[in-house]
All heavy atoms as atom14 arrays in JSON, in Angstrom:
{
  "sequence": "NYMGWYRQAPGKQRELVAGITSGGNTNYADSVKGRFTISRDNAKNTVY",
  "atom14_mask": [
    [1, 1, 1, 1, 1, 1, 1, 1, 0, 0, 0, 0, 0, 0],
    [1, 1, 1, 1, 1, 1, 1, 1, 1, 1, 1, 1, 0, 0],
    [1, 1, 1, 1, 1, 1, 1, 1, 0, 0, 0, 0, 0, 0],
    [1, 1, 1, 1, 0, 0, 0, 0, 0, 0, 0, 0, 0, 0],
    [1, 1, 1, 1, 1, 1, 1, 1, 1, 1, 1, 1, 1, 1],
    [1, 1, 1, 1, 1, 1, 1, 1, 1, 1, 1, 1, 0, 0],
    [1, 1, 1, 1, 1, 1, 1, 1, 1, 1, 1, 0, 0, 0],
    [1, 1, 1, 1, 1, 1, 1, 1, 1, 0, 0, 0, 0, 0],
    [1, 1, 1, 1, 1, 0, 0, 0, 0, 0, 0, 0, 0, 0],
    [1, 1, 1, 1, 1, 1, 1, 0, 0, 0, 0, 0, 0, 0],
    [1, 1, 1, 1, 0, 0, 0, 0, 0, 0, 0, 0, 0, 0],
    [1, 1, 1, 1, 1, 1, 1, 1, 1, 0, 0, 0, 0, 0],
    [1, 1, 1, 1, 1, 1, 1, 1, 1, 0, 0, 0, 0, 0],
    [1, 1, 1, 1, 1, 1, 1, 1, 1, 1, 1, 0, 0, 0],
    [1, 1, 1, 1, 1, 1, 1, 1, 1, 0, 0, 0, 0, 0],
    [1, 1, 1, 1, 1, 1, 1, 1, 0, 0, 0, 0, 0, 0],
    [1, 1, 1, 1, 1, 1, 1, 0, 0, 0, 0, 0, 0, 0],
    [1, 1, 1, 1, 1, 0, 0, 0, 0, 0, 0, 0, 0, 0],
    [1, 1, 1, 1, 0, 0, 0, 0, 0, 0, 0, 0, 0, 0],
    [1, 1, 1, 1, 1, 1, 1, 1, 0, 0, 0, 0, 0, 0],
    [1, 1, 1, 1, 1, 1, 1, 0, 0, 0, 0, 0, 0, 0],
    [1, 1, 1, 1, 1, 1, 0, 0, 0, 0, 0, 0, 0, 0],
    [1, 1, 1, 1, 0, 0, 0, 0, 0, 0, 0, 0, 0, 0],
    [1, 1, 1, 1, 0, 0, 0, 0, 0, 0, 0, 0, 0, 0],
    [1, 1, 1, 1, 1, 1, 1, 1, 0, 0, 0, 0, 0, 0],
    [1, 1, 1, 1, 1, 1, 1, 0, 0, 0, 0, 0, 0, 0],
    [1, 1, 1, 1, 1, 1, 1, 1, 0, 0, 0, 0, 0, 0],
    [1, 1, 1, 1, 1, 1, 1, 1, 1, 1, 1, 1, 0, 0],
    [1, 1, 1, 1, 1, 0, 0, 0, 0, 0, 0, 0, 0, 0],
    [1, 1, 1, 1, 1, 1, 1, 1, 0, 0, 0, 0, 0, 0],
    [1, 1, 1, 1, 1, 1, 0, 0, 0, 0, 0, 0, 0, 0],
    [1, 1, 1, 1, 1, 1, 1, 0, 0, 0, 0, 0, 0, 0],
    [1, 1, 1, 1, 1, 1, 1, 1, 1, 0, 0, 0, 0, 0],
    [1, 1, 1, 1, 0, 0, 0, 0, 0, 0, 0, 0, 0, 0],
    [1, 1, 1, 1, 1, 1, 1, 1, 1, 1, 1, 0, 0, 0],
    [1, 1, 1, 1, 1, 1, 1, 1, 1, 1, 1, 0, 0, 0],
    [1, 1, 1, 1, 1, 1, 1, 0, 0, 0, 0, 0, 0, 0],
    [1, 1, 1, 1, 1, 1, 1, 1, 0, 0, 0, 0, 0, 0],
    [1, 1, 1, 1, 1, 1, 0, 0, 0, 0, 0, 0, 0, 0],
    [1, 1, 1, 1, 1, 1, 1, 1, 1, 1, 1, 0, 0, 0],
    [1, 1, 1, 1, 1, 1, 1, 1, 0, 0, 0, 0, 0, 0],
    [1, 1, 1, 1, 1, 1, 1, 1, 0, 0, 0, 0, 0, 0],
    [1, 1, 1, 1, 1, 0, 0, 0, 0, 0, 0, 0, 0, 0],
    [1, 1, 1, 1, 1, 1, 1, 1, 1, 0, 0, 0, 0, 0],
    [1, 1, 1, 1, 1, 1, 1, 1, 0, 0, 0, 0, 0, 0],
    [1, 1, 1, 1, 1, 1, 1, 0, 0, 0, 0, 0, 0, 0],
    [1, 1, 1, 1, 1, 1, 1, 0, 0, 0, 0, 0, 0, 0],
    [1, 1, 1, 1, 1, 1, 1, 1, 1, 1, 1, 1, 0, 0]
  ],
  "atom14_positions": [
    [[117.48, 80.17, 171.28], [116.29, 80.97, 171.03], [116.21, 81.48, 169.6], [115.15, 81.57, 169.0], [116.25, 82.16, 171.99], [116.44, 81.73, 173.42], [117.49, 81.97, 174.02], [115.43, 81.07, 173.99], [0.0, 0.0, 0.0], [0.0, 0.0, 0.0], [0.0, 0.0, 0.0], [0.0, 0.0, 0.0], [0.0, 0.0, 0.0], [0.0, 0.0, 0.0]],
    [[117.38, 81.83, 169.07], [117.41, 82.52, 167.78], [118.68, 82.13, 167.05], [119.75, 81.95, 167.66], [117.39, 84.04, 168.02], [117.57, 84.89, 166.8], [116.48, 85.29, 166.04], [118.84, 85.32, 166.4], [116.63, 86.09, 164.92], [119.0, 86.12, 165.29], [117.89, 86.5, 164.55], [118.05, 87.3, 163.44], [0.0, 0.0, 0.0], [0.0, 0.0, 0.0]],
    [[118.57, 81.98, 165.73], [119.73, 81.74, 164.88], [119.61, 82.67, 163.68], [118.52, 82.86, 163.14], [119.79, 80.28, 164.43], [119.76, 79.28, 165.58], [119.87, 77.55, 165.05], [121.65, 77.35, 164.97], [0.0, 0.0, 0.0], [0.0, 0.0, 0.0], [0.0, 0.0, 0.0], [0.0, 0.0, 0.0], [0.0, 0.0, 0.0], [0.0, 0.0, 0.0]],
    [[120.74, 83.23, 163.28], [120.67, 84.16, 162.17], [121.97, 84.27, 161.41], [123.01, 83.76, 161.84], [0.0, 0.0, 0.0], [0.0, 0.0, 0.0], [0.0, 0.0, 0.0], [0.0, 0.0, 0.0], [0.0, 0.0, 0.0], [0.0, 0.0, 0.0], [0.0, 0.0, 0.0], [0.0, 0.0, 0.0], [0.0, 0.0, 0.0], [0.0, 0.0, 0.0]],
    [[121.87, 84.92, 160.28], [123.03, 85.2, 159.44], [123.15, 86.7, 159.25], [122.16, 87.39, 158.95], [122.89, 84.52, 158.07], [123.02, 83.04, 158.13], [122.02, 82.12, 158.21], [124.25, 82.3, 158.12], [122.55, 80.86, 158.27], [123.92, 80.93, 158.2], [125.59, 82.66, 158.05], [124.87, 79.92, 158.21], [126.54, 81.64, 158.06], [126.17, 80.3, 158.14]],
    [[124.36, 87.18, 159.4], [124.7, 88.57, 159.16], [125.83, 88.6, 158.13], [126.49, 87.59, 157.89], [125.16, 89.25, 160.46], [124.06, 89.43, 161.48], [123.49, 88.34, 162.13], [123.59, 90.7, 161.8], [122.47, 88.5, 163.05], [122.58, 90.88, 162.74], [122.03, 89.78, 163.35], [121.03, 89.95, 164.26], [0.0, 0.0, 0.0], [0.0, 0.0, 0.0]],
    [[126.04, 89.77, 157.56], [127.16, 89.9, 156.63], [127.8, 91.27, 156.76], [127.16, 92.23, 157.18], [126.7, 89.67, 155.19], [125.77, 90.72, 154.63], [125.26, 90.31, 153.24], [124.37, 91.31, 152.66], [123.69, 91.11, 151.54], [123.79, 89.96, 150.87], [122.9, 92.06, 151.08], [0.0, 0.0, 0.0], [0.0, 0.0, 0.0], [0.0, 0.0, 0.0]],
    [[129.07, 91.3, 156.38], [129.81, 92.55, 156.43], [130.68, 92.65, 155.19], [131.57, 91.82, 154.98], [130.68, 92.64, 157.69], [131.33, 93.99, 157.88], [131.89, 94.17, 159.27], [132.09, 93.21, 160.01], [132.12, 95.41, 159.66], [0.0, 0.0, 0.0], [0.0, 0.0, 0.0], [0.0, 0.0, 0.0], [0.0, 0.0, 0.0], [0.0, 0.0, 0.0]],
    [[130.4, 93.67, 154.4], [131.2, 93.94, 153.2], [132.3, 94.93, 153.57], [132.17, 95.67, 154.55], [130.31, 94.5, 152.1], [0.0, 0.0, 0.0], [0.0, 0.0, 0.0], [0.0, 0.0, 0.0], [0.0, 0.0, 0.0], [0.0, 0.0, 0.0], [0.0, 0.0, 0.0], [0.0, 0.0, 0.0], [0.0, 0.0, 0.0], [0.0, 0.0, 0.0]],
    [[133.37, 94.98, 152.8], [134.48, 95.9, 153.1], [133.99, 97.34, 153.19], [133.27, 97.83, 152.33], [135.42, 95.71, 151.92], [135.16, 94.33, 151.45], [133.68, 94.12, 151.64], [0.0, 0.0, 0.0], [0.0, 0.0, 0.0], [0.0, 0.0, 0.0], [0.0, 0.0, 0.0], [0.0, 0.0, 0.0], [0.0, 0.0, 0.0], [0.0, 0.0, 0.0]],
    [[134.36, 98.0, 154.28], [133.99, 99.4, 154.46], [132.57, 99.63, 154.9], [132.13, 100.79, 155.0], [0.0, 0.0, 0.0], [0.0, 0.0, 0.0], [0.0, 0.0, 0.0], [0.0, 0.0, 0.0], [0.0, 0.0, 0.0], [0.0, 0.0, 0.0], [0.0, 0.0, 0.0], [0.0, 0.0, 0.0], [0.0, 0.0, 0.0], [0.0, 0.0, 0.0]],
    [[131.84, 98.56, 155.17], [130.44, 98.7, 155.58], [130.21, 98.07, 156.94], [131.01, 97.25, 157.4], [129.51, 98.06, 154.54], [129.54, 98.76, 153.19], [128.47, 98.2, 152.28], [128.43, 98.94, 150.94], [127.37, 98.41, 150.05], [0.0, 0.0, 0.0], [0.0, 0.0, 0.0], [0.0, 0.0, 0.0], [0.0, 0.0, 0.0], [0.0, 0.0, 0.0]],
    [[129.09, 98.45, 157.56], [128.74, 97.87, 158.84], [128.15, 96.47, 158.65], [127.6, 96.14, 157.6], [127.72, 98.77, 159.56], [128.29, 100.08, 160.05], [127.3, 100.86, 160.91], [126.1, 100.76, 160.73], [127.81, 101.63, 161.85], [0.0, 0.0, 0.0], [0.0, 0.0, 0.0], [0.0, 0.0, 0.0], [0.0, 0.0, 0.0], [0.0, 0.0, 0.0]],
    [[128.25, 95.67, 159.71], [127.63, 94.36, 159.68], [126.11, 94.54, 159.66], [125.57, 95.36, 160.4], [128.06, 93.54, 160.88], [127.65, 92.09, 160.84], [128.27, 91.3, 161.99], [129.73, 91.31, 161.94], [130.49, 90.58, 162.76], [129.93, 89.78, 163.64], [131.8, 90.65, 162.66], [0.0, 0.0, 0.0], [0.0, 0.0, 0.0], [0.0, 0.0, 0.0]],
    [[125.44, 93.74, 158.82], [124.0, 93.88, 158.7], [123.33, 92.52, 158.77], [123.92, 91.49, 158.4], [123.64, 94.54, 157.37], [124.06, 93.78, 156.13], [123.59, 94.41, 154.84], [122.96, 95.47, 154.86], [123.87, 93.82, 153.77], [0.0, 0.0, 0.0], [0.0, 0.0, 0.0], [0.0, 0.0, 0.0], [0.0, 0.0, 0.0], [0.0, 0.0, 0.0]],
    [[122.08, 92.54, 159.23], [121.29, 91.32, 159.28], [120.93, 90.89, 157.86], [120.5, 91.7, 157.05], [120.01, 91.55, 160.07], [118.98, 90.42, 160.03], [119.49, 89.2, 160.79], [117.65, 90.89, 160.6], [0.0, 0.0, 0.0], [0.0, 0.0, 0.0], [0.0, 0.0, 0.0], [0.0, 0.0, 0.0], [0.0, 0.0, 0.0], [0.0, 0.0, 0.0]],
    [[121.08, 89.59, 157.6], [120.64, 89.02, 156.33], [119.31, 88.3, 156.54], [118.33, 88.55, 155.84], [121.69, 88.05, 155.77], [121.16, 87.4, 154.49], [123.01, 88.77, 155.53], [0.0, 0.0, 0.0], [0.0, 0.0, 0.0], [0.0, 0.0, 0.0], [0.0, 0.0, 0.0], [0.0, 0.0, 0.0], [0.0, 0.0, 0.0], [0.0, 0.0, 0.0]],
    [[119.3, 87.38, 157.52], [118.09, 86.61, 157.79], [118.19, 86.02, 159.19], [119.29, 85.75, 159.68], [117.9, 85.5, 156.77], [0.0, 0.0, 0.0], [0.0, 0.0, 0.0], [0.0, 0.0, 0.0], [0.0, 0.0, 0.0], [0.0, 0.0, 0.0], [0.0, 0.0, 0.0], [0.0, 0.0, 0.0], [0.0, 0.0, 0.0], [0.0, 0.0, 0.0]],
    [[117.03, 85.83, 159.82], [117.0, 85.24, 161.14], [115.82, 84.3, 161.28], [114.83, 84.41, 160.53], [0.0, 0.0, 0.0], [0.0, 0.0, 0.0], [0.0, 0.0, 0.0], [0.0, 0.0, 0.0], [0.0, 0.0, 0.0], [0.0, 0.0, 0.0], [0.0, 0.0, 0.0], [0.0, 0.0, 0.0], [0.0, 0.0, 0.0], [0.0, 0.0, 0.0]],
    [[115.93, 83.37, 162.24], [114.85, 82.42, 162.46], [114.77, 82.11, 163.96], [115.79, 81.88, 164.61], [115.06, 81.13, 161.63], [113.87, 80.18, 161.78], [116.37, 80.44, 161.95], [113.86, 79.05, 160.75], [0.0, 0.0, 0.0], [0.0, 0.0, 0.0], [0.0, 0.0, 0.0], [0.0, 0.0, 0.0], [0.0, 0.0, 0.0], [0.0, 0.0, 0.0]],
    [[113.56, 82.15, 164.49], [113.37, 81.88, 165.91], [113.21, 80.38, 166.15], [113.1, 79.59, 165.22], [112.13, 82.61, 166.43], [110.97, 82.01, 165.81], [112.17, 84.09, 166.1], [0.0, 0.0, 0.0], [0.0, 0.0, 0.0], [0.0, 0.0, 0.0], [0.0, 0.0, 0.0], [0.0, 0.0, 0.0], [0.0, 0.0, 0.0], [0.0, 0.0, 0.0]],
    [[113.17, 80.02, 167.43], [112.99, 78.61, 167.77], [111.64, 78.09, 167.29], [111.48, 76.9, 167.03], [113.11, 78.42, 169.28], [112.18, 79.25, 169.96], [0.0, 0.0, 0.0], [0.0, 0.0, 0.0], [0.0, 0.0, 0.0], [0.0, 0.0, 0.0], [0.0, 0.0, 0.0], [0.0, 0.0, 0.0], [0.0, 0.0, 0.0], [0.0, 0.0, 0.0]],
    [[110.68, 78.99, 167.14], [109.37, 78.6, 166.65], [109.24, 78.58, 165.15], [108.18, 78.23, 164.62], [0.0, 0.0, 0.0], [0.0, 0.0, 0.0], [0.0, 0.0, 0.0], [0.0, 0.0, 0.0], [0.0, 0.0, 0.0], [0.0, 0.0, 0.0], [0.0, 0.0, 0.0], [0.0, 0.0, 0.0], [0.0, 0.0, 0.0], [0.0, 0.0, 0.0]],
    [[110.31, 78.97, 164.46], [110.3, 78.93, 163.01], [109.93, 80.22, 162.31], [109.84, 80.27, 161.08], [0.0, 0.0, 0.0], [0.0, 0.0, 0.0], [0.0, 0.0, 0.0], [0.0, 0.0, 0.0], [0.0, 0.0, 0.0], [0.0, 0.0, 0.0], [0.0, 0.0, 0.0], [0.0, 0.0, 0.0], [0.0, 0.0, 0.0], [0.0, 0.0, 0.0]],
    [[109.7, 81.28, 163.08], [109.42, 82.57, 162.45], [110.7, 83.13, 161.84], [111.77, 83.07, 162.45], [108.88, 83.56, 163.48], [107.51, 83.13, 163.99], [106.66, 82.7, 163.23], [107.3, 83.25, 165.29], [0.0, 0.0, 0.0], [0.0, 0.0, 0.0], [0.0, 0.0, 0.0], [0.0, 0.0, 0.0], [0.0, 0.0, 0.0], [0.0, 0.0, 0.0]],
    [[110.58, 83.68, 160.64], [111.74, 84.17, 159.92], [111.61, 85.65, 159.6], [110.51, 86.2, 159.52], [111.94, 83.41, 158.61], [110.77, 83.56, 157.79], [112.17, 81.93, 158.86], [0.0, 0.0, 0.0], [0.0, 0.0, 0.0], [0.0, 0.0, 0.0], [0.0, 0.0, 0.0], [0.0, 0.0, 0.0], [0.0, 0.0, 0.0], [0.0, 0.0, 0.0]],
    [[112.75, 86.29, 159.41], [112.78, 87.65, 158.9], [113.99, 87.8, 157.99], [114.99, 87.1, 158.16], [112.79, 88.7, 160.02], [114.05, 88.63, 160.86], [114.35, 87.6, 161.44], [114.77, 89.74, 160.92], [0.0, 0.0, 0.0], [0.0, 0.0, 0.0], [0.0, 0.0, 0.0], [0.0, 0.0, 0.0], [0.0, 0.0, 0.0], [0.0, 0.0, 0.0]],
    [[113.85, 88.68, 157.0], [114.88, 88.85, 155.98], [115.14, 90.32, 155.72], [114.24, 91.16, 155.82], [114.43, 88.22, 154.65], [114.27, 86.73, 154.68], [113.04, 86.15, 154.99], [115.33, 85.88, 154.39], [112.88, 84.78, 155.02], [115.18, 84.51, 154.4], [113.95, 83.96, 154.72], [113.81, 82.6, 154.74], [0.0, 0.0, 0.0], [0.0, 0.0, 0.0]],
    [[116.37, 90.62, 155.33], [116.67, 91.95, 154.82], [115.92, 92.12, 153.49], [115.78, 91.16, 152.72], [118.17, 92.11, 154.6], [0.0, 0.0, 0.0], [0.0, 0.0, 0.0], [0.0, 0.0, 0.0], [0.0, 0.0, 0.0], [0.0, 0.0, 0.0], [0.0, 0.0, 0.0], [0.0, 0.0, 0.0], [0.0, 0.0, 0.0], [0.0, 0.0, 0.0]],
    [[115.47, 93.31, 153.22], [114.74, 93.56, 151.98], [115.56, 93.18, 150.75], [115.02, 92.72, 149.75], [114.34, 95.04, 151.88], [113.23, 95.41, 152.86], [112.54, 94.49, 153.36], [113.05, 96.61, 153.13], [0.0, 0.0, 0.0], [0.0, 0.0, 0.0], [0.0, 0.0, 0.0], [0.0, 0.0, 0.0], [0.0, 0.0, 0.0], [0.0, 0.0, 0.0]],
    [[116.87, 93.37, 150.84], [117.73, 93.14, 149.68], [117.84, 91.67, 149.29], [118.28, 91.35, 148.18], [119.13, 93.7, 149.96], [119.69, 93.08, 151.1], [0.0, 0.0, 0.0], [0.0, 0.0, 0.0], [0.0, 0.0, 0.0], [0.0, 0.0, 0.0], [0.0, 0.0, 0.0], [0.0, 0.0, 0.0], [0.0, 0.0, 0.0], [0.0, 0.0, 0.0]],
    [[117.43, 90.76, 150.19], [117.58, 89.33, 149.9], [116.24, 88.6, 149.82], [116.21, 87.4, 149.51], [118.49, 88.62, 150.92], [119.83, 89.35, 151.03], [117.83, 88.5, 152.28], [0.0, 0.0, 0.0], [0.0, 0.0, 0.0], [0.0, 0.0, 0.0], [0.0, 0.0, 0.0], [0.0, 0.0, 0.0], [0.0, 0.0, 0.0], [0.0, 0.0, 0.0]],
    [[115.15, 89.29, 150.11], [113.83, 88.65, 150.06], [113.56, 88.07, 148.68], [113.8, 88.71, 147.67], [112.74, 89.67, 150.44], [112.67, 89.98, 151.91], [111.56, 90.97, 152.22], [111.49, 91.29, 153.71], [110.47, 92.32, 154.01], [0.0, 0.0, 0.0], [0.0, 0.0, 0.0], [0.0, 0.0, 0.0], [0.0, 0.0, 0.0], [0.0, 0.0, 0.0]],
    [[113.08, 86.84, 148.68], [112.79, 86.17, 147.42], [113.97, 85.44, 146.82], [113.81, 84.68, 145.87], [0.0, 0.0, 0.0], [0.0, 0.0, 0.0], [0.0, 0.0, 0.0], [0.0, 0.0, 0.0], [0.0, 0.0, 0.0], [0.0, 0.0, 0.0], [0.0, 0.0, 0.0], [0.0, 0.0, 0.0], [0.0, 0.0, 0.0], [0.0, 0.0, 0.0]],
    [[115.16, 85.7, 147.36], [116.37, 85.03, 146.83], [117.01, 84.11, 147.86], [117.56, 83.07, 147.5], [117.4, 86.08, 146.38], [116.91, 87.01, 145.3], [118.05, 87.9, 144.77], [118.6, 88.77, 145.79], [119.89, 88.79, 146.16], [120.75, 87.97, 145.59], [120.31, 89.64, 147.09], [0.0, 0.0, 0.0], [0.0, 0.0, 0.0], [0.0, 0.0, 0.0]],
    [[116.98, 84.5, 149.13], [117.6, 83.73, 150.2], [116.53, 83.07, 151.05], [115.45, 83.63, 151.27], [118.44, 84.62, 151.09], [119.68, 85.19, 150.46], [119.93, 85.07, 149.09], [120.63, 85.85, 151.23], [121.07, 85.6, 148.52], [121.78, 86.38, 150.68], [122.0, 86.27, 149.31], [0.0, 0.0, 0.0], [0.0, 0.0, 0.0], [0.0, 0.0, 0.0]],
    [[116.86, 81.89, 151.58], [115.95, 81.18, 152.48], [116.73, 80.68, 153.68], [117.74, 79.98, 153.51], [115.28, 80.0, 151.78], [114.56, 80.46, 150.63], [114.3, 79.31, 152.73], [0.0, 0.0, 0.0], [0.0, 0.0, 0.0], [0.0, 0.0, 0.0], [0.0, 0.0, 0.0], [0.0, 0.0, 0.0], [0.0, 0.0, 0.0], [0.0, 0.0, 0.0]],
    [[116.26, 81.02, 154.87], [116.89, 80.52, 156.09], [116.05, 79.37, 156.63], [114.82, 79.39, 156.55], [117.04, 81.64, 157.14], [117.91, 81.18, 158.3], [115.68, 82.15, 157.61], [118.32, 82.3, 159.26], [0.0, 0.0, 0.0], [0.0, 0.0, 0.0], [0.0, 0.0, 0.0], [0.0, 0.0, 0.0], [0.0, 0.0, 0.0], [0.0, 0.0, 0.0]],
    [[116.73, 78.37, 157.17], [116.05, 77.24, 157.8], [116.93, 76.71, 158.92], [118.11, 77.07, 159.01], [115.77, 76.15, 156.76], [116.98, 75.66, 156.2], [0.0, 0.0, 0.0], [0.0, 0.0, 0.0], [0.0, 0.0, 0.0], [0.0, 0.0, 0.0], [0.0, 0.0, 0.0], [0.0, 0.0, 0.0], [0.0, 0.0, 0.0], [0.0, 0.0, 0.0]],
    [[116.34, 75.88, 159.77], [117.12, 75.33, 160.87], [116.7, 73.91, 161.14], [115.56, 73.53, 160.93], [116.99, 76.19, 162.12], [115.6, 76.29, 162.71], [115.53, 77.34, 163.81], [116.09, 76.87, 165.07], [116.21, 77.63, 166.16], [115.82, 78.89, 166.13], [116.71, 77.13, 167.27], [0.0, 0.0, 0.0], [0.0, 0.0, 0.0], [0.0, 0.0, 0.0]],
    [[117.66, 73.14, 161.65], [117.41, 71.77, 162.1], [117.7, 71.76, 163.59], [118.86, 71.75, 164.01], [118.33, 70.8, 161.35], [118.05, 69.35, 161.68], [117.59, 69.07, 162.8], [118.31, 68.49, 160.84], [0.0, 0.0, 0.0], [0.0, 0.0, 0.0], [0.0, 0.0, 0.0], [0.0, 0.0, 0.0], [0.0, 0.0, 0.0], [0.0, 0.0, 0.0]],
    [[116.65, 71.78, 164.39], [116.83, 71.9, 165.83], [117.53, 70.67, 166.41], [118.29, 70.79, 167.38], [115.48, 72.09, 166.51], [114.88, 73.45, 166.21], [115.59, 74.43, 165.99], [113.56, 73.53, 166.17], [0.0, 0.0, 0.0], [0.0, 0.0, 0.0], [0.0, 0.0, 0.0], [0.0, 0.0, 0.0], [0.0, 0.0, 0.0], [0.0, 0.0, 0.0]],
    [[117.3, 69.52, 165.84], [117.94, 68.3, 166.35], [119.45, 68.34, 166.16], [120.2, 67.73, 166.93], [117.36, 67.08, 165.65], [0.0, 0.0, 0.0], [0.0, 0.0, 0.0], [0.0, 0.0, 0.0], [0.0, 0.0, 0.0], [0.0, 0.0, 0.0], [0.0, 0.0, 0.0], [0.0, 0.0, 0.0], [0.0, 0.0, 0.0], [0.0, 0.0, 0.0]],
    [[119.89, 69.06, 165.14], [121.33, 69.15, 164.85], [121.92, 70.48, 165.28], [123.11, 70.73, 165.05], [121.56, 68.95, 163.35], [121.18, 67.58, 162.83], [121.47, 67.47, 161.34], [121.12, 66.08, 160.81], [121.38, 65.96, 159.35], [0.0, 0.0, 0.0], [0.0, 0.0, 0.0], [0.0, 0.0, 0.0], [0.0, 0.0, 0.0], [0.0, 0.0, 0.0]],
    [[121.1, 71.36, 165.87], [121.55, 72.7, 166.25], [122.23, 73.4, 165.08], [123.29, 74.02, 165.24], [122.51, 72.63, 167.46], [121.81, 72.23, 168.73], [120.64, 72.56, 168.95], [122.5, 71.5, 169.58], [0.0, 0.0, 0.0], [0.0, 0.0, 0.0], [0.0, 0.0, 0.0], [0.0, 0.0, 0.0], [0.0, 0.0, 0.0], [0.0, 0.0, 0.0]],
    [[121.63, 73.3, 163.94], [122.22, 73.82, 162.71], [121.26, 74.77, 162.01], [120.05, 74.49, 161.95], [122.6, 72.67, 161.76], [123.58, 71.83, 162.4], [123.19, 73.2, 160.46], [0.0, 0.0, 0.0], [0.0, 0.0, 0.0], [0.0, 0.0, 0.0], [0.0, 0.0, 0.0], [0.0, 0.0, 0.0], [0.0, 0.0, 0.0], [0.0, 0.0, 0.0]],
    [[121.81, 75.84, 161.5], [121.04, 76.79, 160.7], [121.66, 76.85, 159.31], [122.88, 76.76, 159.17], [121.01, 78.19, 161.36], [122.4, 78.79, 161.49], [120.07, 79.13, 160.61], [0.0, 0.0, 0.0], [0.0, 0.0, 0.0], [0.0, 0.0, 0.0], [0.0, 0.0, 0.0], [0.0, 0.0, 0.0], [0.0, 0.0, 0.0], [0.0, 0.0, 0.0]],
    [[120.8, 76.99, 158.32], [121.23, 77.03, 156.93], [120.79, 78.34, 156.28], [119.78, 78.93, 156.67], [120.61, 75.87, 156.15], [120.87, 74.51, 156.73], [119.93, 73.9, 157.56], [122.06, 73.83, 156.46], [120.17, 72.65, 158.11], [122.29, 72.58, 157.0], [121.34, 71.99, 157.83], [121.58, 70.76, 158.36], [0.0, 0.0, 0.0], [0.0, 0.0, 0.0]]
  ]
}
């Protein structure tokens, strides 16, 4: 249904970086908008 990337820096909580639904809708953390791009290949069950 959903694939996403999170990150955790030392001493900090894990946070959402970017996510993408099965329909291709995406969302991004404000800190990475314009710099990071999430995509997925459903045939390969892979997210980038």
